[in-house]
Amino acid sequence: MATRQSISDVATRLFMERGFDQVTIDEIANAADVGRMTVFNHFPRKEDMFFDREEEARNLAFDTVRSRPPGTSPIEALGRLAHRMIEQPSEAFPVFEHTQAFVETALASETLKARARQMRDHFVQDLAALFQAELHDLDDDTHAYLAAGMIASAWSTAFLRAHAELSRTGDAQTAKRVFLAVIDRGIVGTLAALKGTPLVGTALSPVSTTGTDLRL
């Protein structure tokens, strides 16, 4: 595990310094003082070194759905997760404090953007399957895919718009407000779209938007 983290840290530093596409596997191996095959043993693809937190992020989202309080829809639970990530930041996901270079590096690489789209598609598929597993009376998987797709779109849009604001102003607090505003709108819209299905029920539950300005 220490070797994997060391490789990831070295690769991340090189990617940020020179750009993802300009760094080779051999350069990463040399800088990490390991063999080329050792790199591939831990990271089958070069992109995996850049998105090395992907599995952790997926697990966080899925655990949030599974452990939601009684009476809380999966959609609401994922909206509240966004607020917790901002209000109680973790070292693993320091949202908008030290992530600008990461996003700029990703946006500068067609390879990374393609991989991000692929990961998003896989996430939607797996989240929809989780919705079906959690809600046994959800017979039509169309509703599960619609909810998963809308949530993934809201989160993706929120991150990108917040980082655009961060790039423009350099103000992490403003970026966080933009992030939560977009998430809250996305959750409200998803709840409305799925009203009357087992994912939501017949009544819309309020989404906490305390301190969030929805006038985007």
C-alpha atoms as a PDB file:
ATOM      1  CA  MET A   1       0.000   0.000   0.000  1.00  0.00           C
ATOM      2  CA  ALA A   2       2.871   2.377   0.793  1.00  0.00           C
ATOM      3  CA  THR A   3       4.399   1.698  -2.631  1.00  0.00           C
ATOM      4  CA  ARG A   4       1.102   2.403  -4.344  1.00  0.00           C
ATOM      5  CA  GLN A   5       0.683   5.691  -2.504  1.00  0.00           C
ATOM      6  CA  SER A   6       4.267   6.690  -3.248  1.00  0.00           C
ATOM      7  CA  ILE A   7       3.771   6.048  -6.968  1.00  0.00           C
ATOM      8  CA  SER A   8       0.508   7.995  -6.925  1.00  0.00           C
ATOM      9  CA  ASP A   9       2.096  10.952  -5.112  1.00  0.00           C
ATOM     10  CA  VAL A  10       5.034  11.092  -7.519  1.00  0.00           C
ATOM     11  CA  ALA A  11       2.779  10.780 -10.567  1.00  0.00           C
ATOM     12  CA  THR A  12       0.458  13.503  -9.296  1.00  0.00           C
ATOM     13  CA  ARG A  13       3.369  15.881  -8.756  1.00  0.00           C
ATOM     14  CA  LEU A  14       4.687  15.267 -12.265  1.00  0.00           C
ATOM     15  CA  PHE A  15       1.227  15.611 -13.824  1.00  0.00           C
ATOM     16  CA  MET A  16       0.670  18.949 -12.096  1.00  0.00           C
ATOM     17  CA  GLU A  17       4.109  20.250 -13.037  1.00  0.00           C
ATOM     18  CA  ARG A  18       4.167  19.226 -16.692  1.00  0.00           C
ATOM     19  CA  GLY A  19       0.694  18.107 -17.727  1.00  0.00           C
ATOM     20  CA  PHE A  20      -0.709  14.591 -17.883  1.00  0.00           C
ATOM     21  CA  ASP A  21       0.082  13.860 -21.533  1.00  0.00           C
ATOM     22  CA  GLN A  22       3.692  15.010 -21.245  1.00  0.00           C
ATOM     23  CA  VAL A  23       4.617  12.531 -18.490  1.00  0.00           C
ATOM     24  CA  THR A  24       5.580   8.938 -19.353  1.00  0.00           C
ATOM     25  CA  ILE A  25       5.274   5.763 -17.295  1.00  0.00           C
ATOM     26  CA  ASP A  26       9.057   5.360 -17.358  1.00  0.00           C
ATOM     27  CA  GLU A  27       9.513   8.853 -15.916  1.00  0.00           C
ATOM     28  CA  ILE A  28       7.074   8.067 -13.130  1.00  0.00           C
ATOM     29  CA  ALA A  29       8.822   4.776 -12.366  1.00  0.00           C
ATOM     30  CA  ASN A  30      12.235   6.453 -12.250  1.00  0.00           C
ATOM     31  CA  ALA A  31      11.029   9.286 -10.035  1.00  0.00           C
ATOM     32  CA  ALA A  32       9.323   6.813  -7.671  1.00  0.00           C
ATOM     33  CA  ASP A  33      12.404   4.546  -7.700  1.00  0.00           C
ATOM     34  CA  VAL A  34      10.434   1.479  -8.796  1.00  0.00           C
ATOM     35  CA  GLY A  35      10.347  -0.669 -11.916  1.00  0.00           C
ATOM     36  CA  ARG A  36       7.966  -0.059 -14.810  1.00  0.00           C
ATOM     37  CA  MET A  37       6.094  -3.304 -14.067  1.00  0.00           C
ATOM     38  CA  THR A  38       5.639  -2.284 -10.446  1.00  0.00           C
ATOM     39  CA  VAL A  39       3.799   0.806 -11.656  1.00  0.00           C
ATOM     40  CA  PHE A  40       1.517  -1.314 -13.832  1.00  0.00           C
ATOM     41  CA  ASN A  41       0.940  -3.815 -11.019  1.00  0.00           C
ATOM     42  CA  HIS A  42      -0.619  -1.030  -8.963  1.00  0.00           C
ATOM     43  CA  PHE A  43      -2.113   1.051 -11.784  1.00  0.00           C
ATOM     44  CA  PRO A  44      -3.129  -0.826 -14.952  1.00  0.00           C
ATOM     45  CA  ARG A  45      -3.616   2.482 -16.777  1.00  0.00           C
ATOM     46  CA  LYS A  46      -1.830   5.783 -16.546  1.00  0.00           C
ATOM     47  CA  GLU A  47      -5.167   7.530 -15.971  1.00  0.00           C
ATOM     48  CA  ASP A  48      -5.673   5.446 -12.817  1.00  0.00           C
ATOM     49  CA  MET A  49      -2.771   7.270 -11.178  1.00  0.00           C
ATOM     50  CA  PHE A  50      -4.502  10.594 -11.775  1.00  0.00           C
ATOM     51  CA  PHE A  51      -7.942   9.429 -10.630  1.00  0.00           C
ATOM     52  CA  ASP A  52      -6.591   7.368  -7.747  1.00  0.00           C
ATOM     53  CA  ARG A  53      -9.391   8.531  -5.403  1.00  0.00           C
ATOM     54  CA  GLU A  54     -12.160   7.361  -7.731  1.00  0.00           C
ATOM     55  CA  GLU A  55     -12.982   4.141  -5.873  1.00  0.00           C
ATOM     56  CA  GLU A  56     -12.939   5.975  -2.544  1.00  0.00           C
ATOM     57  CA  ALA A  57     -15.392   8.569  -3.870  1.00  0.00           C
ATOM     58  CA  ARG A  58     -17.713   5.897  -5.262  1.00  0.00           C
ATOM     59  CA  ASN A  59     -17.693   4.032  -1.958  1.00  0.00           C
ATOM     60  CA  LEU A  60     -18.509   7.222  -0.088  1.00  0.00           C
ATOM     61  CA  ALA A  61     -21.546   7.848  -2.299  1.00  0.00           C
ATOM     62  CA  PHE A  62     -22.777   4.259  -2.129  1.00  0.00           C
ATOM     63  CA  ASP A  63     -22.268   4.012   1.646  1.00  0.00           C
ATOM     64  CA  THR A  64     -24.248   7.239   2.013  1.00  0.00           C
ATOM     65  CA  VAL A  65     -27.199   5.668   0.211  1.00  0.00           C
ATOM     66  CA  ARG A  66     -26.994   2.430   2.194  1.00  0.00           C
ATOM     67  CA  SER A  67     -26.705   4.133   5.595  1.00  0.00           C
ATOM     68  CA  ARG A  68     -29.289   6.884   5.058  1.00  0.00           C
ATOM     69  CA  PRO A  69     -31.681   7.546   7.961  1.00  0.00           C
ATOM     70  CA  PRO A  70     -35.152   5.984   7.846  1.00  0.00           C
ATOM     71  CA  GLY A  71     -37.561   8.052   5.795  1.00  0.00           C
ATOM     72  CA  THR A  72     -34.783   9.673   3.759  1.00  0.00           C
ATOM     73  CA  SER A  73     -34.755   9.054   0.028  1.00  0.00           C
ATOM     74  CA  PRO A  74     -31.472   8.051  -1.647  1.00  0.00           C
ATOM     75  CA  ILE A  75     -31.670  11.272  -3.632  1.00  0.00           C
ATOM     76  CA  GLU A  76     -31.893  13.430  -0.513  1.00  0.00           C
ATOM     77  CA  ALA A  77     -29.077  11.476   1.141  1.00  0.00           C
ATOM     78  CA  LEU A  78     -26.703  12.304  -1.717  1.00  0.00           C
ATOM     79  CA  GLY A  79     -27.676  15.959  -1.536  1.00  0.00           C
ATOM     80  CA  ARG A  80     -26.905  16.057   2.159  1.00  0.00           C
ATOM     81  CA  LEU A  81     -23.574  14.369   1.489  1.00  0.00           C
ATOM     82  CA  ALA A  82     -22.521  17.433  -0.514  1.00  0.00           C
ATOM     83  CA  HIS A  83     -23.257  19.667   2.453  1.00  0.00           C
ATOM     84  CA  ARG A  84     -21.301  17.398   4.811  1.00  0.00           C
ATOM     85  CA  MET A  85     -18.304  17.431   2.479  1.00  0.00           C
ATOM     86  CA  ILE A  86     -18.270  21.230   2.608  1.00  0.00           C
ATOM     87  CA  GLU A  87     -19.086  21.631   6.302  1.00  0.00           C
ATOM     88  CA  GLN A  88     -16.830  18.800   7.501  1.00  0.00           C
ATOM     89  CA  PRO A  89     -13.992  18.569   4.937  1.00  0.00           C
ATOM     90  CA  SER A  90     -11.791  15.489   4.997  1.00  0.00           C
ATOM     91  CA  GLU A  91      -8.167  15.075   3.995  1.00  0.00           C
ATOM     92  CA  ALA A  92      -9.240  12.660   1.257  1.00  0.00           C
ATOM     93  CA  PHE A  93     -11.643  15.165  -0.339  1.00  0.00           C
ATOM     94  CA  PRO A  94     -10.502  18.747   0.379  1.00  0.00           C
ATOM     95  CA  VAL A  95     -13.151  20.294  -1.837  1.00  0.00           C
ATOM     96  CA  PHE A  96     -11.981  23.586  -3.388  1.00  0.00           C
ATOM     97  CA  GLU A  97      -9.072  24.117  -1.017  1.00  0.00           C
ATOM     98  CA  HIS A  98      -6.321  22.378  -2.990  1.00  0.00           C
ATOM     99  CA  THR A  99      -8.087  21.057  -6.078  1.00  0.00           C
ATOM    100  CA  GLN A 100      -7.770  23.803  -8.682  1.00  0.00           C
ATOM    101  CA  ALA A 101      -4.560  22.457 -10.220  1.00  0.00           C
ATOM    102  CA  PHE A 102      -6.097  18.986 -10.376  1.00  0.00           C
ATOM    103  CA  VAL A 103      -9.120  20.213 -12.329  1.00  0.00           C
ATOM    104  CA  GLU A 104      -7.042  22.384 -14.660  1.00  0.00           C
ATOM    105  CA  THR A 105      -4.763  19.428 -15.428  1.00  0.00           C
ATOM    106  CA  ALA A 106      -7.749  17.208 -16.174  1.00  0.00           C
ATOM    107  CA  LEU A 107      -9.405  19.773 -18.440  1.00  0.00           C
ATOM    108  CA  ALA A 108      -6.167  20.203 -20.399  1.00  0.00           C
ATOM    109  CA  SER A 109      -6.025  16.511 -21.367  1.00  0.00           C
ATOM    110  CA  GLU A 110      -8.396  14.846 -23.839  1.00  0.00           C
ATOM    111  CA  THR A 111      -7.329  11.481 -22.432  1.00  0.00           C
ATOM    112  CA  LEU A 112      -8.341  12.440 -18.907  1.00  0.00           C
ATOM    113  CA  LYS A 113     -11.612  13.997 -20.044  1.00  0.00           C
ATOM    114  CA  ALA A 114     -12.489  10.803 -21.906  1.00  0.00           C
ATOM    115  CA  ARG A 115     -11.649   8.715 -18.851  1.00  0.00           C
ATOM    116  CA  ALA A 116     -13.768  11.022 -16.650  1.00  0.00           C
ATOM    117  CA  ARG A 117     -16.753  10.522 -18.957  1.00  0.00           C
ATOM    118  CA  GLN A 118     -16.238   6.768 -18.846  1.00  0.00           C
ATOM    119  CA  MET A 119     -16.077   6.796 -15.039  1.00  0.00           C
ATOM    120  CA  ARG A 120     -19.242   8.872 -14.904  1.00  0.00           C
ATOM    121  CA  ASP A 121     -21.083   6.354 -17.110  1.00  0.00           C
ATOM    122  CA  HIS A 122     -19.963   3.488 -14.867  1.00  0.00           C
ATOM    123  CA  PHE A 123     -21.010   5.430 -11.781  1.00  0.00           C
ATOM    124  CA  VAL A 124     -24.500   6.051 -13.177  1.00  0.00           C
ATOM    125  CA  GLN A 125     -24.901   2.373 -14.021  1.00  0.00           C
ATOM    126  CA  ASP A 126     -23.755   1.211 -10.584  1.00  0.00           C
ATOM    127  CA  LEU A 127     -25.767   3.852  -8.713  1.00  0.00           C
ATOM    128  CA  ALA A 128     -28.908   2.867 -10.616  1.00  0.00           C
ATOM    129  CA  ALA A 129     -28.281  -0.779  -9.677  1.00  0.00           C
ATOM    130  CA  LEU A 130     -27.867   0.264  -6.034  1.00  0.00           C
ATOM    131  CA  PHE A 131     -31.175   2.162  -6.116  1.00  0.00           C
ATOM    132  CA  GLN A 132     -32.886  -0.982  -7.370  1.00  0.00           C
ATOM    133  CA  ALA A 133     -31.230  -3.126  -4.713  1.00  0.00           C
ATOM    134  CA  GLU A 134     -32.157  -0.702  -1.913  1.00  0.00           C
ATOM    135  CA  LEU A 135     -35.762  -0.207  -3.066  1.00  0.00           C
ATOM    136  CA  HIS A 136     -37.198  -3.630  -3.718  1.00  0.00           C
ATOM    137  CA  ASP A 137     -40.460  -2.216  -5.110  1.00  0.00           C
ATOM    138  CA  LEU A 138     -38.600  -0.292  -7.823  1.00  0.00           C
ATOM    139  CA  ASP A 139     -39.617  -2.541 -10.698  1.00  0.00           C
ATOM    140  CA  ASP A 140     -38.871  -0.136 -13.572  1.00  0.00           C
ATOM    141  CA  ASP A 141     -35.129   0.471 -13.858  1.00  0.00           C
ATOM    142  CA  THR A 142     -35.859   3.518 -16.036  1.00  0.00           C
ATOM    143  CA  HIS A 143     -36.595   5.521 -12.890  1.00  0.00           C
ATOM    144  CA  ALA A 144     -33.376   4.319 -11.266  1.00  0.00           C
ATOM    145  CA  TYR A 145     -31.301   5.331 -14.297  1.00  0.00           C
ATOM    146  CA  LEU A 146     -33.053   8.684 -14.573  1.00  0.00           C
ATOM    147  CA  ALA A 147     -32.343   9.481 -10.923  1.00  0.00           C
ATOM    148  CA  ALA A 148     -28.729   8.304 -11.117  1.00  0.00           C
ATOM    149  CA  GLY A 149     -28.112  10.265 -14.322  1.00  0.00           C
ATOM    150  CA  MET A 150     -29.624  13.465 -12.965  1.00  0.00           C
ATOM    151  CA  ILE A 151     -27.648  13.221  -9.724  1.00  0.00           C
ATOM    152  CA  ALA A 152     -24.376  12.533 -11.532  1.00  0.00           C
ATOM    153  CA  SER A 153     -25.045  15.470 -13.857  1.00  0.00           C
ATOM    154  CA  ALA A 154     -25.781  17.778 -10.920  1.00  0.00           C
ATOM    155  CA  TRP A 155     -22.567  16.822  -9.119  1.00  0.00           C
ATOM    156  CA  SER A 156     -20.462  17.130 -12.265  1.00  0.00           C
ATOM    157  CA  THR A 157     -21.943  20.530 -13.133  1.00  0.00           C
ATOM    158  CA  ALA A 158     -21.531  21.723  -9.544  1.00  0.00           C
ATOM    159  CA  PHE A 159     -17.829  20.828  -9.452  1.00  0.00           C
ATOM    160  CA  LEU A 160     -17.098  22.448 -12.807  1.00  0.00           C
ATOM    161  CA  ARG A 161     -19.037  25.654 -12.126  1.00  0.00           C
ATOM    162  CA  ALA A 162     -17.517  25.975  -8.658  1.00  0.00           C
ATOM    163  CA  HIS A 163     -14.022  25.561 -10.068  1.00  0.00           C
ATOM    164  CA  ALA A 164     -14.760  28.107 -12.773  1.00  0.00           C
ATOM    165  CA  GLU A 165     -15.724  30.531 -10.007  1.00  0.00           C
ATOM    166  CA  LEU A 166     -12.595  29.630  -8.053  1.00  0.00           C
ATOM    167  CA  SER A 167     -10.441  30.254 -11.120  1.00  0.00           C
ATOM    168  CA  ARG A 168     -12.120  33.628 -11.687  1.00  0.00           C
ATOM    169  CA  THR A 169     -12.089  34.937  -8.100  1.00  0.00           C
ATOM    170  CA  GLY A 170      -9.597  32.794  -6.183  1.00  0.00           C
ATOM    171  CA  ASP A 171     -12.205  32.646  -3.409  1.00  0.00           C
ATOM    172  CA  ALA A 172     -12.734  29.087  -2.117  1.00  0.00           C
ATOM    173  CA  GLN A 173     -15.711  30.126   0.020  1.00  0.00           C
ATOM    174  CA  THR A 174     -17.536  31.547  -2.984  1.00  0.00           C
ATOM    175  CA  ALA A 175     -16.743  28.375  -4.923  1.00  0.00           C
ATOM    176  CA  LYS A 176     -18.270  26.295  -2.123  1.00  0.00           C
ATOM    177  CA  ARG A 177     -21.451  28.374  -2.204  1.00  0.00           C
ATOM    178  CA  VAL A 178     -21.735  27.891  -5.967  1.00  0.00           C
ATOM    179  CA  PHE A 179     -21.151  24.163  -5.550  1.00  0.00           C
ATOM    180  CA  LEU A 180     -23.916  23.761  -2.964  1.00  0.00           C
ATOM    181  CA  ALA A 181     -26.326  25.985  -4.887  1.00  0.00           C
ATOM    182  CA  VAL A 182     -26.017  23.823  -8.004  1.00  0.00           C
ATOM    183  CA  ILE A 183     -26.261  20.605  -5.984  1.00  0.00           C
ATOM    184  CA  ASP A 184     -29.398  21.825  -4.213  1.00  0.00           C
ATOM    185  CA  ARG A 185     -31.063  22.796  -7.476  1.00  0.00           C
ATOM    186  CA  GLY A 186     -30.131  19.423  -8.959  1.00  0.00           C
ATOM    187  CA  ILE A 187     -31.539  17.531  -5.980  1.00  0.00           C
ATOM    188  CA  VAL A 188     -34.781  19.529  -5.973  1.00  0.00           C
ATOM    189  CA  GLY A 189     -35.143  18.890  -9.711  1.00  0.00           C
ATOM    190  CA  THR A 190     -34.445  15.180  -9.329  1.00  0.00           C
ATOM    191  CA  LEU A 191     -36.958  14.872  -6.487  1.00  0.00           C
ATOM    192  CA  ALA A 192     -39.572  16.618  -8.623  1.00  0.00           C
ATOM    193  CA  ALA A 193     -38.853  14.410 -11.643  1.00  0.00           C
ATOM    194  CA  LEU A 194     -39.129  11.216  -9.571  1.00  0.00           C
ATOM    195  CA  LYS A 195     -42.129  12.245  -7.452  1.00  0.00           C
ATOM    196  CA  GLY A 196     -44.585   9.395  -7.054  1.00  0.00           C
ATOM    197  CA  THR A 197     -41.960   6.678  -7.601  1.00  0.00           C
ATOM    198  CA  PRO A 198     -40.490   4.524  -4.812  1.00  0.00           C
ATOM    199  CA  LEU A 199     -37.332   6.640  -5.014  1.00  0.00           C
ATOM    200  CA  VAL A 200     -39.186   9.661  -3.630  1.00  0.00           C
ATOM    201  CA  GLY A 201     -42.755   8.766  -2.703  1.00  0.00           C
ATOM    202  CA  THR A 202     -45.740  11.031  -3.134  1.00  0.00           C
ATOM    203  CA  ALA A 203     -44.469  14.045  -1.218  1.00  0.00           C
ATOM    204  CA  LEU A 204     -41.328  16.034  -1.791  1.00  0.00           C
ATOM    205  CA  SER A 205     -39.172  16.285   1.308  1.00  0.00           C
ATOM    206  CA  PRO A 206     -37.329  19.544   1.870  1.00  0.00           C
ATOM    207  CA  VAL A 207     -33.648  19.686   0.997  1.00  0.00           C
ATOM    208  CA  SER A 208     -31.444  21.614   3.377  1.00  0.00           C
ATOM    209  CA  THR A 209     -30.165  24.732   1.630  1.00  0.00           C
ATOM    210  CA  THR A 210     -29.162  26.641   4.714  1.00  0.00           C
ATOM    211  CA  GLY A 211     -26.782  29.416   3.760  1.00  0.00           C
ATOM    212  CA  THR A 212     -26.944  28.559   0.072  1.00  0.00           C
ATOM    213  CA  ASP A 213     -27.920  31.200  -2.447  1.00  0.00           C
ATOM    214  CA  LEU A 214     -29.938  29.529  -5.206  1.00  0.00           C
ATOM    215  CA  ARG A 215     -30.025  32.619  -7.422  1.00  0.00           C
ATOM    216  CA  LEU A 216     -27.567  31.429 -10.033  1.00  0.00           C
END
